[in-house]
């Protein structure tokens, strides 16, 4: 009874309900697309992190890359040897300086 004095516009309510339903449907579709994209990206990331590069089905070995890997290993080995030799020379130089200082 207390609502008897209030007039409601059913046309306005229907329009806002219709707009709300359209907005709800649009948001649901957008959420589904975002969820699919997230799942796809997660699967790609898992694929890349769990499998090594050589185990990928689309991987074709590149002979130039393998040659470069071998050359890198050789260069890194030479570099390591030079660093070790440099350390030895530095230590010997330090010992000789001590001996020179002691003999003076």
PDB file of N, CA and C in Angstrom:
ATOM      1  N   UNK A   1       0.792  -1.183   0.000  1.00  0.00           N
ATOM      2  CA  UNK A   1       0.000   0.000   0.000  1.00  0.00           C
ATOM      3  C   UNK A   1       0.850   1.270   0.000  1.00  0.00           C
ATOM      4  N   UNK A   2       1.954   1.236   0.690  1.00  0.00           N
ATOM      5  CA  UNK A   2       2.762   2.442   0.758  1.00  0.00           C
ATOM      6  C   UNK A   2       3.417   2.758  -0.577  1.00  0.00           C
ATOM      7  N   UNK A   3       3.480   1.782  -1.506  1.00  0.00           N
ATOM      8  CA  UNK A   3       4.006   2.006  -2.854  1.00  0.00           C
ATOM      9  C   UNK A   3       2.948   2.536  -3.815  1.00  0.00           C
ATOM     10  N   UNK A   4       1.743   2.651  -3.392  1.00  0.00           N
ATOM     11  CA  UNK A   4       0.658   3.040  -4.284  1.00  0.00           C
ATOM     12  C   UNK A   4       0.869   4.442  -4.850  1.00  0.00           C
ATOM     13  N   UNK A   5       1.501   5.330  -4.084  1.00  0.00           N
ATOM     14  CA  UNK A   5       1.688   6.696  -4.542  1.00  0.00           C
ATOM     15  C   UNK A   5       2.842   6.861  -5.517  1.00  0.00           C
ATOM     16  N   UNK A   6       3.724   5.866  -5.615  1.00  0.00           N
ATOM     17  CA  UNK A   6       4.911   5.971  -6.473  1.00  0.00           C
ATOM     18  C   UNK A   6       4.614   5.323  -7.811  1.00  0.00           C
ATOM     19  N   UNK A   7       4.843   6.080  -8.875  1.00  0.00           N
ATOM     20  CA  UNK A   7       4.659   5.523 -10.210  1.00  0.00           C
ATOM     21  C   UNK A   7       6.019   5.116 -10.764  1.00  0.00           C
ATOM     22  N   UNK A   8       6.090   3.927 -11.335  1.00  0.00           N
ATOM     23  CA  UNK A   8       7.343   3.470 -11.930  1.00  0.00           C
ATOM     24  C   UNK A   8       7.186   3.403 -13.426  1.00  0.00           C
ATOM     25  N   UNK A   9       8.239   3.657 -14.093  1.00  0.00           N
ATOM     26  CA  UNK A   9       8.226   3.582 -15.549  1.00  0.00           C
ATOM     27  C   UNK A   9       8.746   2.216 -15.948  1.00  0.00           C
ATOM     28  N   UNK A  10       7.892   1.374 -16.444  1.00  0.00           N
ATOM     29  CA  UNK A  10       8.317   0.032 -16.832  1.00  0.00           C
ATOM     30  C   UNK A  10       9.211   0.094 -18.067  1.00  0.00           C
ATOM     31  N   UNK A  11       9.003   1.091 -18.927  1.00  0.00           N
ATOM     32  CA  UNK A  11       9.821   1.228 -20.121  1.00  0.00           C
ATOM     33  C   UNK A  11      11.262   1.561 -19.750  1.00  0.00           C
ATOM     34  N   UNK A  12      11.486   2.454 -18.812  1.00  0.00           N
ATOM     35  CA  UNK A  12      12.820   2.816 -18.353  1.00  0.00           C
ATOM     36  C   UNK A  12      13.507   1.650 -17.687  1.00  0.00           C
ATOM     37  N   UNK A  13      12.804   0.887 -16.920  1.00  0.00           N
ATOM     38  CA  UNK A  13      13.367  -0.262 -16.230  1.00  0.00           C
ATOM     39  C   UNK A  13      13.757  -1.345 -17.234  1.00  0.00           C
ATOM     40  N   UNK A  14      12.883  -1.585 -18.230  1.00  0.00           N
ATOM     41  CA  UNK A  14      13.186  -2.580 -19.249  1.00  0.00           C
ATOM     42  C   UNK A  14      14.432  -2.186 -20.032  1.00  0.00           C
ATOM     43  N   UNK A  15      14.558  -0.907 -20.344  1.00  0.00           N
ATOM     44  CA  UNK A  15      15.700  -0.424 -21.091  1.00  0.00           C
ATOM     45  C   UNK A  15      16.985  -0.602 -20.292  1.00  0.00           C
ATOM     46  N   UNK A  16      16.948  -0.245 -19.019  1.00  0.00           N
ATOM     47  CA  UNK A  16      18.157  -0.393 -18.208  1.00  0.00           C
ATOM     48  C   UNK A  16      18.478  -1.870 -17.969  1.00  0.00           C
ATOM     49  N   UNK A  17      17.458  -2.707 -17.841  1.00  0.00           N
ATOM     50  CA  UNK A  17      17.711  -4.149 -17.691  1.00  0.00           C
ATOM     51  C   UNK A  17      18.313  -4.705 -18.978  1.00  0.00           C
ATOM     52  N   UNK A  18      17.796  -4.240 -20.115  1.00  0.00           N
ATOM     53  CA  UNK A  18      18.311  -4.691 -21.412  1.00  0.00           C
ATOM     54  C   UNK A  18      19.758  -4.255 -21.579  1.00  0.00           C
ATOM     55  N   UNK A  19      20.062  -3.003 -21.229  1.00  0.00           N
ATOM     56  CA  UNK A  19      21.439  -2.520 -21.308  1.00  0.00           C
ATOM     57  C   UNK A  19      22.347  -3.290 -20.360  1.00  0.00           C
ATOM     58  N   UNK A  20      21.843  -3.559 -19.159  1.00  0.00           N
ATOM     59  CA  UNK A  20      22.634  -4.306 -18.181  1.00  0.00           C
ATOM     60  C   UNK A  20      22.920  -5.715 -18.684  1.00  0.00           C
ATOM     61  N   UNK A  21      21.935  -6.353 -19.312  1.00  0.00           N
ATOM     62  CA  UNK A  21      22.137  -7.700 -19.839  1.00  0.00           C
ATOM     63  C   UNK A  21      23.157  -7.682 -20.988  1.00  0.00           C
ATOM     64  N   UNK A  22      23.050  -6.660 -21.864  1.00  0.00           N
ATOM     65  CA  UNK A  22      24.015  -6.557 -22.966  1.00  0.00           C
ATOM     66  C   UNK A  22      25.422  -6.333 -22.419  1.00  0.00           C
ATOM     67  N   UNK A  23      25.543  -5.461 -21.427  1.00  0.00           N
ATOM     68  CA  UNK A  23      26.853  -5.193 -20.826  1.00  0.00           C
ATOM     69  C   UNK A  23      27.393  -6.446 -20.145  1.00  0.00           C
ATOM     70  N   UNK A  24      26.504  -7.170 -19.471  1.00  0.00           N
ATOM     71  CA  UNK A  24      26.908  -8.410 -18.804  1.00  0.00           C
ATOM     72  C   UNK A  24      27.413  -9.423 -19.832  1.00  0.00           C
ATOM     73  N   UNK A  25      26.680  -9.593 -20.939  1.00  0.00           N
ATOM     74  CA  UNK A  25      27.100 -10.520 -21.989  1.00  0.00           C
ATOM     75  C   UNK A  25      28.438 -10.106 -22.593  1.00  0.00           C
ATOM     76  N   UNK A  26      28.612  -8.794 -22.822  1.00  0.00           N
ATOM     77  CA  UNK A  26      29.866  -8.293 -23.390  1.00  0.00           C
ATOM     78  C   UNK A  26      31.029  -8.575 -22.446  1.00  0.00           C
ATOM     79  N   UNK A  27      30.814  -8.337 -21.159  1.00  0.00           N
ATOM     80  CA  UNK A  27      31.876  -8.567 -20.182  1.00  0.00           C
ATOM     81  C   UNK A  27      32.207 -10.053 -20.052  1.00  0.00           C
ATOM     82  N   UNK A  28      31.189 -10.894 -20.133  1.00  0.00           N
ATOM     83  CA  UNK A  28      31.413 -12.344 -20.059  1.00  0.00           C
ATOM     84  C   UNK A  28      32.245 -12.808 -21.253  1.00  0.00           C
ATOM     85  N   UNK A  29      31.897 -12.322 -22.469  1.00  0.00           N
ATOM     86  CA  UNK A  29      32.670 -12.695 -23.656  1.00  0.00           C
ATOM     87  C   UNK A  29      34.107 -12.199 -23.553  1.00  0.00           C
ATOM     88  N   UNK A  30      34.270 -10.968 -23.083  1.00  0.00           N
ATOM     89  CA  UNK A  30      35.617 -10.406 -22.928  1.00  0.00           C
ATOM     90  C   UNK A  30      36.422 -11.212 -21.911  1.00  0.00           C
ATOM     91  N   UNK A  31      35.791 -11.595 -20.812  1.00  0.00           N
ATOM     92  CA  UNK A  31      36.463 -12.407 -19.797  1.00  0.00           C
ATOM     93  C   UNK A  31      36.861 -13.764 -20.354  1.00  0.00           C
ATOM     94  N   UNK A  32      35.994 -14.359 -21.164  1.00  0.00           N
ATOM     95  CA  UNK A  32      36.311 -15.652 -21.770  1.00  0.00           C
ATOM     96  C   UNK A  32      37.504 -15.537 -22.716  1.00  0.00           C
ATOM     97  N   UNK A  33      37.531 -14.464 -23.526  1.00  0.00           N
ATOM     98  CA  UNK A  33      38.660 -14.266 -24.442  1.00  0.00           C
ATOM     99  C   UNK A  33      39.963 -14.048 -23.677  1.00  0.00           C
ATOM    100  N   UNK A  34      39.903 -13.245 -22.627  1.00  0.00           N
ATOM    101  CA  UNK A  34      41.099 -12.990 -21.826  1.00  0.00           C
ATOM    102  C   UNK A  34      41.573 -14.271 -21.156  1.00  0.00           C
ATOM    103  N   UNK A  35      40.631 -15.068 -20.660  1.00  0.00           N
ATOM    104  CA  UNK A  35      40.984 -16.332 -20.013  1.00  0.00           C
ATOM    105  C   UNK A  35      41.619 -17.297 -21.015  1.00  0.00           C
ATOM    106  N   UNK A  36      41.054 -17.363 -22.229  1.00  0.00           N
ATOM    107  CA  UNK A  36      41.638 -18.223 -23.261  1.00  0.00           C
ATOM    108  C   UNK A  36      43.049 -17.775 -23.615  1.00  0.00           C
ATOM    109  N   UNK A  37      43.238 -16.455 -23.751  1.00  0.00           N
ATOM    110  CA  UNK A  37      44.558 -15.931 -24.078  1.00  0.00           C
ATOM    111  C   UNK A  37      45.553 -16.229 -22.956  1.00  0.00           C
ATOM    112  N   UNK A  38      45.117 -16.048 -21.706  1.00  0.00           N
ATOM    113  CA  UNK A  38      45.995 -16.347 -20.568  1.00  0.00           C
ATOM    114  C   UNK A  38      46.387 -17.819 -20.561  1.00  0.00           C
ATOM    115  N   UNK A  39      45.418 -18.694 -20.773  1.00  0.00           N
ATOM    116  CA  UNK A  39      45.710 -20.130 -20.786  1.00  0.00           C
ATOM    117  C   UNK A  39      46.653 -20.499 -21.927  1.00  0.00           C
ATOM    118  N   UNK A  40      46.446 -19.873 -23.091  1.00  0.00           N
ATOM    119  CA  UNK A  40      47.331 -20.133 -24.227  1.00  0.00           C
ATOM    120  C   UNK A  40      48.754 -19.683 -23.910  1.00  0.00           C
ATOM    121  N   UNK A  41      48.890 -18.498 -23.345  1.00  0.00           N
ATOM    122  CA  UNK A  41      50.223 -17.995 -23.004  1.00  0.00           C
ATOM    123  C   UNK A  41      50.870 -18.846 -21.920  1.00  0.00           C
ATOM    124  N   UNK A  42      50.087 -19.299 -20.959  1.00  0.00           N
ATOM    125  CA  UNK A  42      50.612 -20.168 -19.906  1.00  0.00           C
ATOM    126  C   UNK A  42      51.110 -21.481 -20.499  1.00  0.00           C
ATOM    127  N   UNK A  43      50.333 -22.044 -21.459  1.00  0.00           N
ATOM    128  CA  UNK A  43      50.756 -23.285 -22.112  1.00  0.00           C
ATOM    129  C   UNK A  43      52.044 -23.084 -22.906  1.00  0.00           C
ATOM    130  N   UNK A  44      52.132 -21.955 -23.615  1.00  0.00           N
ATOM    131  CA  UNK A  44      53.354 -21.677 -24.369  1.00  0.00           C
ATOM    132  C   UNK A  44      54.555 -21.549 -23.442  1.00  0.00           C
ATOM    133  N   UNK A  45      54.367 -20.837 -22.337  1.00  0.00           N
ATOM    134  CA  UNK A  45      55.457 -20.670 -21.380  1.00  0.00           C
ATOM    135  C   UNK A  45      55.882 -22.011 -20.808  1.00  0.00           C
ATOM    136  N   UNK A  46      54.927 -22.835 -20.445  1.00  0.00           N
ATOM    137  CA  UNK A  46      55.239 -24.160 -19.911  1.00  0.00           C
ATOM    138  C   UNK A  46      55.987 -24.987 -20.948  1.00  0.00           C
ATOM    139  N   UNK A  47      55.545 -24.901 -22.209  1.00  0.00           N
ATOM    140  CA  UNK A  47      56.198 -25.645 -23.285  1.00  0.00           C
ATOM    141  C   UNK A  47      57.649 -25.202 -23.440  1.00  0.00           C
ATOM    142  N   UNK A  48      57.865 -23.897 -23.398  1.00  0.00           N
ATOM    143  CA  UNK A  48      59.219 -23.378 -23.587  1.00  0.00           C
ATOM    144  C   UNK A  48      60.126 -23.669 -22.407  1.00  0.00           C
ATOM    145  N   UNK A  49      59.597 -23.651 -21.205  1.00  0.00           N
ATOM    146  CA  UNK A  49      60.448 -23.845 -20.036  1.00  0.00           C
ATOM    147  C   UNK A  49      60.677 -25.312 -19.716  1.00  0.00           C
ATOM    148  N   UNK A  50      59.734 -26.170 -20.035  1.00  0.00           N
ATOM    149  CA  UNK A  50      59.871 -27.580 -19.666  1.00  0.00           C
ATOM    150  C   UNK A  50      60.671 -28.388 -20.686  1.00  0.00           C
ATOM    151  N   UNK A  51      60.682 -27.971 -21.911  1.00  0.00           N
ATOM    152  CA  UNK A  51      61.374 -28.741 -22.943  1.00  0.00           C
ATOM    153  C   UNK A  51      62.599 -27.983 -23.403  1.00  0.00           C
ATOM    154  N   UNK A  52      63.631 -28.725 -23.665  1.00  0.00           N
ATOM    155  CA  UNK A  52      64.830 -28.070 -24.172  1.00  0.00           C
ATOM    156  C   UNK A  52      64.627 -27.716 -25.639  1.00  0.00           C
ATOM    157  N   UNK A  53      65.472 -26.852 -26.119  1.00  0.00           N
ATOM    158  CA  UNK A  53      65.332 -26.361 -27.487  1.00  0.00           C
ATOM    159  C   UNK A  53      65.452 -27.489 -28.509  1.00  0.00           C
ATOM    160  N   UNK A  54      66.286 -28.447 -28.238  1.00  0.00           N
ATOM    161  CA  UNK A  54      66.505 -29.526 -29.210  1.00  0.00           C
ATOM    162  C   UNK A  54      65.360 -30.523 -29.242  1.00  0.00           C
ATOM    163  N   UNK A  55      64.525 -30.545 -28.215  1.00  0.00           N
ATOM    164  CA  UNK A  55      63.403 -31.481 -28.169  1.00  0.00           C
ATOM    165  C   UNK A  55      62.129 -30.900 -28.762  1.00  0.00           C
ATOM    166  N   UNK A  56      62.166 -29.663 -29.202  1.00  0.00           N
ATOM    167  CA  UNK A  56      60.979 -29.060 -29.787  1.00  0.00           C
ATOM    168  C   UNK A  56      60.702 -29.704 -31.144  1.00  0.00           C
ATOM    169  N   UNK A  57      59.431 -29.920 -31.450  1.00  0.00           N
ATOM    170  CA  UNK A  57      59.115 -30.595 -32.717  1.00  0.00           C
ATOM    171  C   UNK A  57      59.478 -29.761 -33.946  1.00  0.00           C
ATOM    172  N   UNK A  58      59.484 -28.447 -33.832  1.00  0.00           N
ATOM    173  CA  UNK A  58      59.769 -27.606 -34.989  1.00  0.00           C
ATOM    174  C   UNK A  58      61.242 -27.211 -35.076  1.00  0.00           C
ATOM    175  N   UNK A  59      62.072 -27.766 -34.206  1.00  0.00           N
ATOM    176  CA  UNK A  59      63.481 -27.374 -34.174  1.00  0.00           C
ATOM    177  C   UNK A  59      64.257 -28.102 -35.247  1.00  0.00           C
ATOM    178  N   UNK A  60      64.950 -27.340 -36.101  1.00  0.00           N
ATOM    179  CA  UNK A  60      65.864 -27.914 -37.085  1.00  0.00           C
ATOM    180  C   UNK A  60      67.262 -27.442 -36.741  1.00  0.00           C
ATOM    181  N   UNK A  61      68.186 -28.363 -36.461  1.00  0.00           N
ATOM    182  CA  UNK A  61      69.535 -27.944 -36.090  1.00  0.00           C
ATOM    183  C   UNK A  61      70.178 -27.118 -37.200  1.00  0.00           C
ATOM    184  N   UNK A  62      70.844 -26.067 -36.801  1.00  0.00           N
ATOM    185  CA  UNK A  62      71.541 -25.207 -37.734  1.00  0.00           C
ATOM    186  C   UNK A  62      73.031 -25.537 -37.648  1.00  0.00           C
ATOM    187  N   UNK A  63      73.629 -26.002 -38.745  1.00  0.00           N
ATOM    188  CA  UNK A  63      75.050 -26.389 -38.673  1.00  0.00           C
ATOM    189  C   UNK A  63      75.956 -25.212 -38.325  1.00  0.00           C
ATOM    190  N   UNK A  64      75.594 -24.021 -38.758  1.00  0.00           N
ATOM    191  CA  UNK A  64      76.407 -22.848 -38.425  1.00  0.00           C
ATOM    192  C   UNK A  64      76.361 -22.570 -36.922  1.00  0.00           C
ATOM    193  N   UNK A  65      75.182 -22.780 -36.334  1.00  0.00           N
ATOM    194  CA  UNK A  65      75.036 -22.574 -34.894  1.00  0.00           C
ATOM    195  C   UNK A  65      75.894 -23.575 -34.125  1.00  0.00           C
ATOM    196  N   UNK A  66      75.901 -24.821 -34.597  1.00  0.00           N
ATOM    197  CA  UNK A  66      76.720 -25.840 -33.937  1.00  0.00           C
ATOM    198  C   UNK A  66      78.209 -25.515 -34.065  1.00  0.00           C
ATOM    199  N   UNK A  67      78.614 -25.014 -35.240  1.00  0.00           N
ATOM    200  CA  UNK A  67      80.013 -24.599 -35.428  1.00  0.00           C
ATOM    201  C   UNK A  67      80.353 -23.455 -34.472  1.00  0.00           C
ATOM    202  N   UNK A  68      79.436 -22.505 -34.359  1.00  0.00           N
ATOM    203  CA  UNK A  68      79.666 -21.387 -33.445  1.00  0.00           C
ATOM    204  C   UNK A  68      79.765 -21.853 -31.997  1.00  0.00           C
ATOM    205  N   UNK A  69      78.944 -22.827 -31.627  1.00  0.00           N
ATOM    206  CA  UNK A  69      79.024 -23.369 -30.264  1.00  0.00           C
ATOM    207  C   UNK A  69      80.393 -23.987 -30.006  1.00  0.00           C
ATOM    208  N   UNK A  70      80.888 -24.756 -30.977  1.00  0.00           N
ATOM    209  CA  UNK A  70      82.211 -25.374 -30.827  1.00  0.00           C
ATOM    210  C   UNK A  70      83.304 -24.315 -30.744  1.00  0.00           C
ATOM    211  N   UNK A  71      83.198 -23.288 -31.592  1.00  0.00           N
ATOM    212  CA  UNK A  71      84.183 -22.208 -31.552  1.00  0.00           C
ATOM    213  C   UNK A  71      84.129 -21.466 -30.217  1.00  0.00           C
ATOM    214  N   UNK A  72      82.921 -21.273 -29.707  1.00  0.00           N
ATOM    215  CA  UNK A  72      82.788 -20.597 -28.413  1.00  0.00           C
ATOM    216  C   UNK A  72      83.441 -21.424 -27.312  1.00  0.00           C
ATOM    217  N   UNK A  73      83.221 -22.727 -27.322  1.00  0.00           N
ATOM    218  CA  UNK A  73      83.850 -23.589 -26.330  1.00  0.00           C
ATOM    219  C   UNK A  73      85.369 -23.499 -26.410  1.00  0.00           C
ATOM    220  N   UNK A  74      85.904 -23.495 -27.630  1.00  0.00           N
ATOM    221  CA  UNK A  74      87.356 -23.409 -27.798  1.00  0.00           C
ATOM    222  C   UNK A  74      87.875 -22.069 -27.294  1.00  0.00           C
ATOM    223  N   UNK A  75      87.198 -20.995 -27.634  1.00  0.00           N
ATOM    224  CA  UNK A  75      87.622 -19.661 -27.194  1.00  0.00           C
ATOM    225  C   UNK A  75      87.532 -19.535 -25.679  1.00  0.00           C
ATOM    226  N   UNK A  76      86.456 -20.060 -25.105  1.00  0.00           N
ATOM    227  CA  UNK A  76      86.299 -19.993 -23.649  1.00  0.00           C
ATOM    228  C   UNK A  76      87.385 -20.818 -22.957  1.00  0.00           C
ATOM    229  N   UNK A  77      87.764 -21.936 -23.546  1.00  0.00           N
ATOM    230  CA  UNK A  77      88.836 -22.752 -22.990  1.00  0.00           C
ATOM    231  C   UNK A  77      90.166 -21.999 -23.038  1.00  0.00           C
ATOM    232  N   UNK A  78      90.445 -21.371 -24.173  1.00  0.00           N
ATOM    233  CA  UNK A  78      91.681 -20.573 -24.304  1.00  0.00           C
ATOM    234  C   UNK A  78      91.677 -19.426 -23.310  1.00  0.00           C
ATOM    235  N   UNK A  79      90.520 -18.760 -23.180  1.00  0.00           N
ATOM    236  CA  UNK A  79      90.408 -17.649 -22.230  1.00  0.00           C
ATOM    237  C   UNK A  79      90.671 -18.119 -20.800  1.00  0.00           C
ATOM    238  N   UNK A  80      90.112 -19.254 -20.444  1.00  0.00           N
ATOM    239  CA  UNK A  80      90.327 -19.803 -19.099  1.00  0.00           C
ATOM    240  C   UNK A  80      91.817 -20.106 -18.880  1.00  0.00           C
ATOM    241  N   UNK A  81      92.443 -20.727 -19.874  1.00  0.00           N
ATOM    242  CA  UNK A  81      93.873 -21.036 -19.763  1.00  0.00           C
ATOM    243  C   UNK A  81      94.701 -19.765 -19.602  1.00  0.00           C
ATOM    244  N   UNK A  82      94.363 -18.731 -20.374  1.00  0.00           N
ATOM    245  CA  UNK A  82      95.096 -17.465 -20.267  1.00  0.00           C
ATOM    246  C   UNK A  82      94.893 -16.816 -18.891  1.00  0.00           C
ATOM    247  N   UNK A  83      93.692 -16.905 -18.373  1.00  0.00           N
ATOM    248  CA  UNK A  83      93.434 -16.349 -17.039  1.00  0.00           C
ATOM    249  C   UNK A  83      94.245 -17.087 -15.976  1.00  0.00           C
ATOM    250  N   UNK A  84      94.302 -18.408 -16.093  1.00  0.00           N
ATOM    251  CA  UNK A  84      95.081 -19.193 -15.137  1.00  0.00           C
ATOM    252  C   UNK A  84      96.569 -18.857 -15.262  1.00  0.00           C
ATOM    253  N   UNK A  85      97.036 -18.739 -16.492  1.00  0.00           N
ATOM    254  CA  UNK A  85      98.441 -18.396 -16.727  1.00  0.00           C
ATOM    255  C   UNK A  85      98.740 -16.995 -16.188  1.00  0.00           C
ATOM    256  N   UNK A  86      97.828 -16.070 -16.383  1.00  0.00           N
ATOM    257  CA  UNK A  86      97.995 -14.712 -15.885  1.00  0.00           C
ATOM    258  C   UNK A  86      98.087 -14.711 -14.350  1.00  0.00           C
ATOM    259  N   UNK A  87      97.265 -15.521 -13.715  1.00  0.00           N
ATOM    260  CA  UNK A  87      97.300 -15.617 -12.255  1.00  0.00           C
ATOM    261  C   UNK A  87      98.660 -16.155 -11.794  1.00  0.00           C
ATOM    262  N   UNK A  88      99.152 -17.192 -12.472  1.00  0.00           N
ATOM    263  CA  UNK A  88     100.453 -17.764 -12.120  1.00  0.00           C
ATOM    264  C   UNK A  88     101.568 -16.734 -12.296  1.00  0.00           C
ATOM    265  N   UNK A  89     101.548 -16.031 -13.422  1.00  0.00           N
ATOM    266  CA  UNK A  89     102.583 -15.021 -13.685  1.00  0.00           C
ATOM    267  C   UNK A  89     102.514 -13.921 -12.631  1.00  0.00           C
ATOM    268  N   UNK A  90     101.326 -13.515 -12.281  1.00  0.00           N
ATOM    269  CA  UNK A  90     101.156 -12.479 -11.266  1.00  0.00           C
ATOM    270  C   UNK A  90     101.724 -12.947  -9.919  1.00  0.00           C
ATOM    271  N   UNK A  91     101.414 -14.184  -9.544  1.00  0.00           N
ATOM    272  CA  UNK A  91     101.943 -14.726  -8.283  1.00  0.00           C
ATOM    273  C   UNK A  91     103.474 -14.830  -8.325  1.00  0.00           C
ATOM    274  N   UNK A  92     104.022 -15.310  -9.445  1.00  0.00           N
ATOM    275  CA  UNK A  92     105.485 -15.404  -9.576  1.00  0.00           C
ATOM    276  C   UNK A  92     106.126 -14.019  -9.510  1.00  0.00           C
ATOM    277  N   UNK A  93     105.503 -13.056 -10.168  1.00  0.00           N
ATOM    278  CA  UNK A  93     106.005 -11.688 -10.138  1.00  0.00           C
ATOM    279  C   UNK A  93     106.006 -11.150  -8.707  1.00  0.00           C
ATOM    280  N   UNK A  94     104.962 -11.441  -7.980  1.00  0.00           N
ATOM    281  CA  UNK A  94     104.850 -11.001  -6.593  1.00  0.00           C
ATOM    282  C   UNK A  94     105.960 -11.652  -5.728  1.00  0.00           C
ATOM    283  N   UNK A  95     106.204 -12.943  -5.962  1.00  0.00           N
ATOM    284  CA  UNK A  95     107.267 -13.645  -5.218  1.00  0.00           C
ATOM    285  C   UNK A  95     108.638 -13.057  -5.551  1.00  0.00           C
ATOM    286  N   UNK A  96     108.880 -12.796  -6.836  1.00  0.00           N
ATOM    287  CA  UNK A  96     110.161 -12.221  -7.240  1.00  0.00           C
ATOM    288  C   UNK A  96     110.357 -10.831  -6.640  1.00  0.00           C
ATOM    289  N   UNK A  97     109.313 -10.034  -6.587  1.00  0.00           N
ATOM    290  CA  UNK A  97     109.427  -8.707  -5.961  1.00  0.00           C
ATOM    291  C   UNK A  97     109.778  -8.834  -4.484  1.00  0.00           C
ATOM    292  N   UNK A  98     109.188  -9.828  -3.827  1.00  0.00           N
ATOM    293  CA  UNK A  98     109.518 -10.056  -2.412  1.00  0.00           C
ATOM    294  C   UNK A  98     110.993 -10.431  -2.253  1.00  0.00           C
ATOM    295  N   UNK A  99     111.461 -11.332  -3.131  1.00  0.00           N
ATOM    296  CA  UNK A  99     112.864 -11.757  -3.062  1.00  0.00           C
ATOM    297  C   UNK A  99     113.810 -10.594  -3.340  1.00  0.00           C
ATOM    298  N   UNK A 100     113.476  -9.762  -4.330  1.00  0.00           N
ATOM    299  CA  UNK A 100     114.298  -8.602  -4.650  1.00  0.00           C
ATOM    300  C   UNK A 100     114.348  -7.646  -3.458  1.00  0.00           C
ATOM    301  N   UNK A 101     113.200  -7.416  -2.878  1.00  0.00           N
ATOM    302  CA  UNK A 101     113.130  -6.523  -1.721  1.00  0.00           C
ATOM    303  C   UNK A 101     113.917  -7.103  -0.545  1.00  0.00           C
ATOM    304  N   UNK A 102     113.827  -8.406  -0.342  1.00  0.00           N
ATOM    305  CA  UNK A 102     114.530  -9.050   0.755  1.00  0.00           C
ATOM    306  C   UNK A 102     116.052  -9.006   0.543  1.00  0.00           C
ATOM    307  N   UNK A 103     116.497  -9.216  -0.729  1.00  0.00           N
ATOM    308  CA  UNK A 103     117.938  -9.230  -0.989  1.00  0.00           C
ATOM    309  C   UNK A 103     118.563  -7.846  -0.913  1.00  0.00           C
ATOM    310  N   UNK A 104     117.813  -6.800  -1.080  1.00  0.00           N
ATOM    311  CA  UNK A 104     118.394  -5.462  -1.020  1.00  0.00           C
ATOM    312  C   UNK A 104     118.684  -5.184   0.415  1.00  0.00           C
TER     313      UNK A 104
END
